[in-house]
Amino acid sequence: MFYEILIRLCAEKGSSVTKYTTEVLGFSKGTATGWKNGKKPGAVALKRISDHFGVSIDFLLTGKVKHVPKILEQNNSREIARLESKIEEQKERIKFLEEQNRELIAKLAPTSAVVDNRQNKQ
């Protein structure tokens, strides 16, 4: 089960298991061959593979936990881009309001000086 799942995950990246696991993940060819022949991966290997592909270890071993479909990843990317755009809009709004605030303070400064002088005379 593990090796079949690994085949699918590597195929999504456009590569074979041997090539991907050796060149990208840093495992030996012998390790990949062992998995192909039914050897179970160790905890460190499972953790590295699950982190790299963004799937759970449970999914790697059983196939029962759903791998996030690419369409959901794309939707998440679009949502992130939309939110980043909103953040930029809000930053611009804050700059505008800060400028208005500075202008208002500058206009009120002479008035507040007159009020301060009157209070000091009393």
N, C-alpha and C. Protein backbone atom coordinates (compact mmCIF):
# COMPACT_ATOMS: atom_id res chain seq x y z
N MET A 1 0.83 -1.20 0.00
CA MET A 1 0.00 0.00 0.00
C MET A 1 0.87 1.26 0.00
N PHE A 2 1.89 1.31 0.87
CA PHE A 2 2.75 2.49 0.96
C PHE A 2 3.38 2.83 -0.38
N TYR A 3 3.96 1.84 -1.03
CA TYR A 3 4.67 2.10 -2.28
C TYR A 3 3.73 2.60 -3.37
N GLU A 4 2.52 2.04 -3.43
CA GLU A 4 1.55 2.48 -4.44
C GLU A 4 1.17 3.94 -4.21
N ILE A 5 1.03 4.31 -2.96
CA ILE A 5 0.70 5.70 -2.64
C ILE A 5 1.87 6.61 -3.02
N LEU A 6 3.08 6.15 -2.72
CA LEU A 6 4.27 6.93 -3.06
C LEU A 6 4.40 7.10 -4.57
N ILE A 7 4.04 6.07 -5.32
CA ILE A 7 4.05 6.18 -6.79
C ILE A 7 3.13 7.32 -7.23
N ARG A 8 1.93 7.37 -6.66
CA ARG A 8 0.97 8.42 -7.03
C ARG A 8 1.49 9.81 -6.67
N LEU A 9 2.05 9.93 -5.47
CA LEU A 9 2.55 11.23 -5.03
C LEU A 9 3.71 11.71 -5.92
N CYS A 10 4.60 10.80 -6.25
CA CYS A 10 5.73 11.16 -7.12
C CYS A 10 5.23 11.49 -8.53
N ALA A 11 4.23 10.76 -9.00
CA ALA A 11 3.67 11.02 -10.33
C ALA A 11 3.08 12.43 -10.39
N GLU A 12 2.45 12.88 -9.29
CA GLU A 12 1.91 14.24 -9.25
C GLU A 12 3.02 15.27 -9.43
N LYS A 13 4.22 14.91 -9.03
CA LYS A 13 5.39 15.79 -9.18
C LYS A 13 6.07 15.56 -10.52
N GLY A 14 5.54 14.61 -11.31
CA GLY A 14 6.09 14.34 -12.63
C GLY A 14 7.37 13.53 -12.61
N SER A 15 7.49 12.63 -11.65
CA SER A 15 8.73 11.87 -11.53
C SER A 15 8.46 10.43 -11.10
N SER A 16 9.48 9.60 -11.25
CA SER A 16 9.39 8.22 -10.76
C SER A 16 9.75 8.22 -9.28
N VAL A 17 9.40 7.14 -8.60
CA VAL A 17 9.70 7.02 -7.17
C VAL A 17 11.21 7.05 -6.95
N THR A 18 11.93 6.25 -7.69
CA THR A 18 13.39 6.17 -7.48
C THR A 18 14.04 7.52 -7.70
N LYS A 19 13.73 8.15 -8.81
CA LYS A 19 14.34 9.44 -9.11
C LYS A 19 13.97 10.49 -8.05
N TYR A 20 12.69 10.56 -7.71
CA TYR A 20 12.23 11.59 -6.78
C TYR A 20 12.78 11.36 -5.37
N THR A 21 12.71 10.10 -4.91
CA THR A 21 13.16 9.83 -3.54
C THR A 21 14.66 10.00 -3.38
N THR A 22 15.43 9.72 -4.44
CA THR A 22 16.89 9.88 -4.32
C THR A 22 17.32 11.32 -4.53
N GLU A 23 16.80 11.96 -5.57
CA GLU A 23 17.27 13.30 -5.92
C GLU A 23 16.64 14.41 -5.08
N VAL A 24 15.39 14.26 -4.73
CA VAL A 24 14.70 15.32 -4.00
C VAL A 24 14.67 15.05 -2.49
N LEU A 25 14.33 13.83 -2.12
CA LEU A 25 14.18 13.52 -0.71
C LEU A 25 15.46 13.00 -0.06
N GLY A 26 16.45 12.62 -0.87
CA GLY A 26 17.75 12.23 -0.33
C GLY A 26 17.89 10.81 0.16
N PHE A 27 17.01 9.92 -0.24
CA PHE A 27 17.12 8.51 0.13
C PHE A 27 17.99 7.78 -0.89
N SER A 28 18.51 6.62 -0.49
CA SER A 28 19.31 5.84 -1.43
C SER A 28 18.40 5.05 -2.37
N LYS A 29 18.97 4.60 -3.50
CA LYS A 29 18.21 3.76 -4.43
C LYS A 29 17.80 2.46 -3.75
N GLY A 30 18.68 1.96 -2.89
CA GLY A 30 18.38 0.73 -2.17
C GLY A 30 17.16 0.87 -1.26
N THR A 31 17.03 2.03 -0.67
CA THR A 31 15.87 2.29 0.19
C THR A 31 14.60 2.26 -0.63
N ALA A 32 14.62 2.96 -1.77
CA ALA A 32 13.44 2.98 -2.64
C ALA A 32 13.12 1.58 -3.16
N THR A 33 14.15 0.80 -3.49
CA THR A 33 13.94 -0.57 -3.95
C THR A 33 13.35 -1.43 -2.84
N GLY A 34 13.82 -1.24 -1.63
CA GLY A 34 13.27 -1.98 -0.49
C GLY A 34 11.79 -1.70 -0.32
N TRP A 35 11.40 -0.43 -0.45
CA TRP A 35 9.98 -0.08 -0.35
C TRP A 35 9.19 -0.75 -1.47
N LYS A 36 9.76 -0.76 -2.66
CA LYS A 36 9.09 -1.39 -3.80
C LYS A 36 8.87 -2.88 -3.52
N ASN A 37 9.82 -3.50 -2.83
CA ASN A 37 9.72 -4.94 -2.52
C ASN A 37 8.94 -5.23 -1.24
N GLY A 38 8.29 -4.21 -0.69
CA GLY A 38 7.40 -4.43 0.45
C GLY A 38 7.95 -4.05 1.81
N LYS A 39 9.20 -3.58 1.89
CA LYS A 39 9.75 -3.16 3.17
C LYS A 39 9.05 -1.89 3.63
N LYS A 40 8.74 -1.83 4.90
CA LYS A 40 8.06 -0.66 5.46
C LYS A 40 9.08 0.43 5.78
N PRO A 41 8.74 1.68 5.49
CA PRO A 41 9.66 2.77 5.81
C PRO A 41 9.71 3.03 7.31
N GLY A 42 10.82 3.55 7.76
CA GLY A 42 10.96 3.89 9.17
C GLY A 42 10.26 5.21 9.49
N ALA A 43 10.24 5.56 10.77
CA ALA A 43 9.55 6.76 11.24
C ALA A 43 10.14 8.03 10.64
N VAL A 44 11.46 8.10 10.55
CA VAL A 44 12.11 9.29 10.01
C VAL A 44 11.74 9.47 8.54
N ALA A 45 11.78 8.38 7.79
CA ALA A 45 11.43 8.44 6.36
C ALA A 45 9.96 8.84 6.19
N LEU A 46 9.10 8.24 6.98
CA LEU A 46 7.67 8.59 6.89
C LEU A 46 7.44 10.07 7.18
N LYS A 47 8.11 10.57 8.20
CA LYS A 47 7.95 11.98 8.57
C LYS A 47 8.44 12.88 7.44
N ARG A 48 9.60 12.58 6.88
CA ARG A 48 10.16 13.40 5.80
C ARG A 48 9.23 13.38 4.58
N ILE A 49 8.74 12.21 4.23
CA ILE A 49 7.86 12.09 3.06
C ILE A 49 6.54 12.80 3.30
N SER A 50 5.95 12.59 4.48
CA SER A 50 4.66 13.23 4.76
C SER A 50 4.79 14.74 4.78
N ASP A 51 5.87 15.26 5.37
CA ASP A 51 6.09 16.71 5.39
C ASP A 51 6.27 17.24 3.97
N HIS A 52 7.06 16.55 3.18
CA HIS A 52 7.35 17.01 1.83
C HIS A 52 6.10 17.07 0.95
N PHE A 53 5.28 16.03 1.02
CA PHE A 53 4.10 15.97 0.16
C PHE A 53 2.86 16.60 0.80
N GLY A 54 2.95 16.97 2.07
CA GLY A 54 1.80 17.60 2.72
C GLY A 54 0.66 16.64 2.99
N VAL A 55 0.99 15.39 3.28
CA VAL A 55 -0.02 14.39 3.62
C VAL A 55 0.32 13.82 5.00
N SER A 56 -0.63 13.15 5.61
CA SER A 56 -0.38 12.56 6.92
C SER A 56 0.36 11.22 6.77
N ILE A 57 1.02 10.84 7.83
CA ILE A 57 1.67 9.52 7.86
C ILE A 57 0.61 8.44 7.73
N ASP A 58 -0.53 8.66 8.35
CA ASP A 58 -1.64 7.72 8.26
C ASP A 58 -2.03 7.50 6.80
N PHE A 59 -2.09 8.56 6.03
CA PHE A 59 -2.41 8.43 4.62
C PHE A 59 -1.35 7.61 3.89
N LEU A 60 -0.07 7.88 4.18
CA LEU A 60 1.00 7.14 3.52
C LEU A 60 0.91 5.65 3.78
N LEU A 61 0.49 5.27 4.98
CA LEU A 61 0.45 3.85 5.34
C LEU A 61 -0.85 3.15 4.97
N THR A 62 -1.95 3.89 5.01
CA THR A 62 -3.25 3.24 4.81
C THR A 62 -3.99 3.71 3.57
N GLY A 63 -3.71 4.92 3.15
CA GLY A 63 -4.44 5.49 2.02
C GLY A 63 -5.85 5.92 2.39
N LYS A 64 -6.20 5.82 3.67
CA LYS A 64 -7.57 6.13 4.09
C LYS A 64 -7.83 7.61 4.36
N VAL A 65 -6.80 8.33 4.74
CA VAL A 65 -6.96 9.76 4.95
C VAL A 65 -6.76 10.43 3.62
N LYS A 66 -7.69 11.27 3.24
CA LYS A 66 -7.63 11.86 1.90
C LYS A 66 -6.46 12.80 1.73
N HIS A 67 -5.78 12.63 0.63
CA HIS A 67 -4.76 13.57 0.18
C HIS A 67 -5.50 14.80 -0.34
N VAL A 68 -5.03 15.99 -0.02
CA VAL A 68 -5.71 17.20 -0.47
C VAL A 68 -5.62 17.29 -1.99
N PRO A 69 -6.78 17.29 -2.65
CA PRO A 69 -6.75 17.39 -4.11
C PRO A 69 -6.14 18.70 -4.58
N LYS A 70 -5.52 18.67 -5.75
CA LYS A 70 -4.87 19.87 -6.29
C LYS A 70 -5.84 21.03 -6.42
N ILE A 71 -7.10 20.74 -6.74
CA ILE A 71 -8.08 21.81 -6.92
C ILE A 71 -8.26 22.58 -5.62
N LEU A 72 -8.22 21.89 -4.48
CA LEU A 72 -8.34 22.59 -3.20
C LEU A 72 -7.10 23.44 -2.94
N GLU A 73 -5.94 22.92 -3.28
CA GLU A 73 -4.71 23.69 -3.12
C GLU A 73 -4.78 24.96 -3.97
N GLN A 74 -5.29 24.83 -5.19
CA GLN A 74 -5.40 25.98 -6.08
C GLN A 74 -6.39 26.99 -5.51
N ASN A 75 -7.52 26.48 -4.97
CA ASN A 75 -8.50 27.37 -4.37
C ASN A 75 -7.90 28.10 -3.18
N ASN A 76 -7.10 27.39 -2.38
CA ASN A 76 -6.44 28.02 -1.24
C ASN A 76 -5.48 29.10 -1.72
N SER A 77 -4.77 28.84 -2.79
CA SER A 77 -3.84 29.84 -3.34
C SER A 77 -4.59 31.08 -3.79
N ARG A 78 -5.72 30.88 -4.43
CA ARG A 78 -6.53 32.02 -4.87
C ARG A 78 -7.03 32.81 -3.67
N GLU A 79 -7.47 32.11 -2.65
CA GLU A 79 -7.99 32.77 -1.45
C GLU A 79 -6.88 33.55 -0.75
N ILE A 80 -5.70 32.99 -0.68
CA ILE A 80 -4.56 33.68 -0.08
C ILE A 80 -4.24 34.95 -0.87
N ALA A 81 -4.23 34.84 -2.19
CA ALA A 81 -3.96 36.01 -3.03
C ALA A 81 -5.02 37.08 -2.83
N ARG A 82 -6.29 36.67 -2.72
CA ARG A 82 -7.38 37.62 -2.49
C ARG A 82 -7.20 38.33 -1.16
N LEU A 83 -6.85 37.57 -0.12
CA LEU A 83 -6.67 38.16 1.20
C LEU A 83 -5.45 39.08 1.24
N GLU A 84 -4.39 38.69 0.55
CA GLU A 84 -3.21 39.56 0.49
C GLU A 84 -3.56 40.88 -0.19
N SER A 85 -4.40 40.83 -1.22
CA SER A 85 -4.84 42.05 -1.90
C SER A 85 -5.64 42.92 -0.94
N LYS A 86 -6.52 42.31 -0.17
CA LYS A 86 -7.32 43.05 0.82
C LYS A 86 -6.42 43.71 1.85
N ILE A 87 -5.38 43.01 2.28
CA ILE A 87 -4.43 43.56 3.26
C ILE A 87 -3.77 44.80 2.68
N GLU A 88 -3.35 44.72 1.42
CA GLU A 88 -2.71 45.87 0.78
C GLU A 88 -3.69 47.05 0.70
N GLU A 89 -4.95 46.77 0.38
CA GLU A 89 -5.95 47.83 0.35
C GLU A 89 -6.09 48.49 1.71
N GLN A 90 -6.10 47.68 2.76
CA GLN A 90 -6.23 48.22 4.11
C GLN A 90 -5.00 49.03 4.51
N LYS A 91 -3.82 48.60 4.09
CA LYS A 91 -2.59 49.37 4.37
C LYS A 91 -2.68 50.75 3.72
N GLU A 92 -3.19 50.80 2.48
CA GLU A 92 -3.35 52.08 1.80
C GLU A 92 -4.37 52.96 2.52
N ARG A 93 -5.43 52.35 3.00
CA ARG A 93 -6.46 53.09 3.75
C ARG A 93 -5.87 53.66 5.03
N ILE A 94 -5.05 52.87 5.71
CA ILE A 94 -4.40 53.34 6.95
C ILE A 94 -3.48 54.52 6.64
N LYS A 95 -2.70 54.43 5.57
CA LYS A 95 -1.82 55.55 5.19
C LYS A 95 -2.64 56.82 4.94
N PHE A 96 -3.75 56.68 4.23
CA PHE A 96 -4.62 57.81 3.93
C PHE A 96 -5.15 58.42 5.22
N LEU A 97 -5.63 57.59 6.14
CA LEU A 97 -6.18 58.09 7.40
C LEU A 97 -5.10 58.73 8.27
N GLU A 98 -3.90 58.18 8.25
CA GLU A 98 -2.80 58.78 9.01
C GLU A 98 -2.46 60.16 8.47
N GLU A 99 -2.47 60.31 7.16
CA GLU A 99 -2.20 61.61 6.55
C GLU A 99 -3.29 62.61 6.91
N GLN A 100 -4.53 62.18 6.86
CA GLN A 100 -5.63 63.06 7.26
C GLN A 100 -5.48 63.47 8.72
N ASN A 101 -5.08 62.53 9.55
CA ASN A 101 -4.89 62.81 10.97
C ASN A 101 -3.79 63.86 11.18
N ARG A 102 -2.67 63.72 10.46
CA ARG A 102 -1.58 64.69 10.56
C ARG A 102 -2.04 66.08 10.12
N GLU A 103 -2.80 66.13 9.03
CA GLU A 103 -3.30 67.42 8.54
C GLU A 103 -4.25 68.06 9.56
N LEU A 104 -5.09 67.26 10.16
CA LEU A 104 -6.02 67.78 11.17
C LEU A 104 -5.27 68.29 12.39
N ILE A 105 -4.27 67.57 12.82
CA ILE A 105 -3.46 67.99 13.97
C ILE A 105 -2.75 69.31 13.64
N ALA A 106 -2.23 69.42 12.42
CA ALA A 106 -1.55 70.65 12.01
C ALA A 106 -2.52 71.83 12.01
N LYS A 107 -3.75 71.62 11.59
CA LYS A 107 -4.75 72.69 11.59
C LYS A 107 -5.15 73.08 13.01
N LEU A 108 -5.22 72.11 13.90
CA LEU A 108 -5.65 72.37 15.27
C LEU A 108 -4.53 72.89 16.16
N ALA A 109 -3.31 72.70 15.79
CA ALA A 109 -2.18 73.10 16.61
C ALA A 109 -2.22 74.58 16.97
N PRO A 110 -2.44 75.51 16.02
CA PRO A 110 -2.51 76.93 16.40
C PRO A 110 -3.66 77.22 17.36
N THR A 111 -4.77 76.56 17.18
CA THR A 111 -5.92 76.75 18.05
C THR A 111 -5.61 76.28 19.46
N SER A 112 -4.96 75.15 19.57
CA SER A 112 -4.64 74.62 20.90
C SER A 112 -3.61 75.50 21.59
N ALA A 113 -2.72 76.16 20.84
CA ALA A 113 -1.74 77.07 21.44
C ALA A 113 -2.44 78.28 22.03
N VAL A 114 -3.47 78.79 21.37
CA VAL A 114 -4.25 79.92 21.88
C VAL A 114 -4.95 79.52 23.16
N VAL A 115 -5.53 78.33 23.17
CA VAL A 115 -6.24 77.83 24.36
C VAL A 115 -5.25 77.68 25.52
N ASP A 116 -4.06 77.15 25.25
CA ASP A 116 -3.03 76.98 26.28
C ASP A 116 -2.62 78.32 26.86
N ASN A 117 -2.45 79.35 26.00
CA ASN A 117 -2.06 80.68 26.47
C ASN A 117 -3.13 81.26 27.37
N ARG A 118 -4.38 81.09 27.02
CA ARG A 118 -5.48 81.61 27.83
C ARG A 118 -5.51 80.92 29.19
N GLN A 119 -5.27 79.62 29.20
CA GLN A 119 -5.28 78.90 30.47
C GLN A 119 -4.11 79.32 31.34
N ASN A 120 -2.95 79.59 30.74
CA ASN A 120 -1.77 80.00 31.51
C ASN A 120 -1.97 81.40 32.11
N LYS A 121 -2.74 82.27 31.45
CA LYS A 121 -2.98 83.62 31.95
C LYS A 121 -3.93 83.61 33.13
N GLN A 122 -4.75 82.61 33.24
CA GLN A 122 -5.74 82.57 34.31
C GLN A 122 -5.14 82.12 35.56
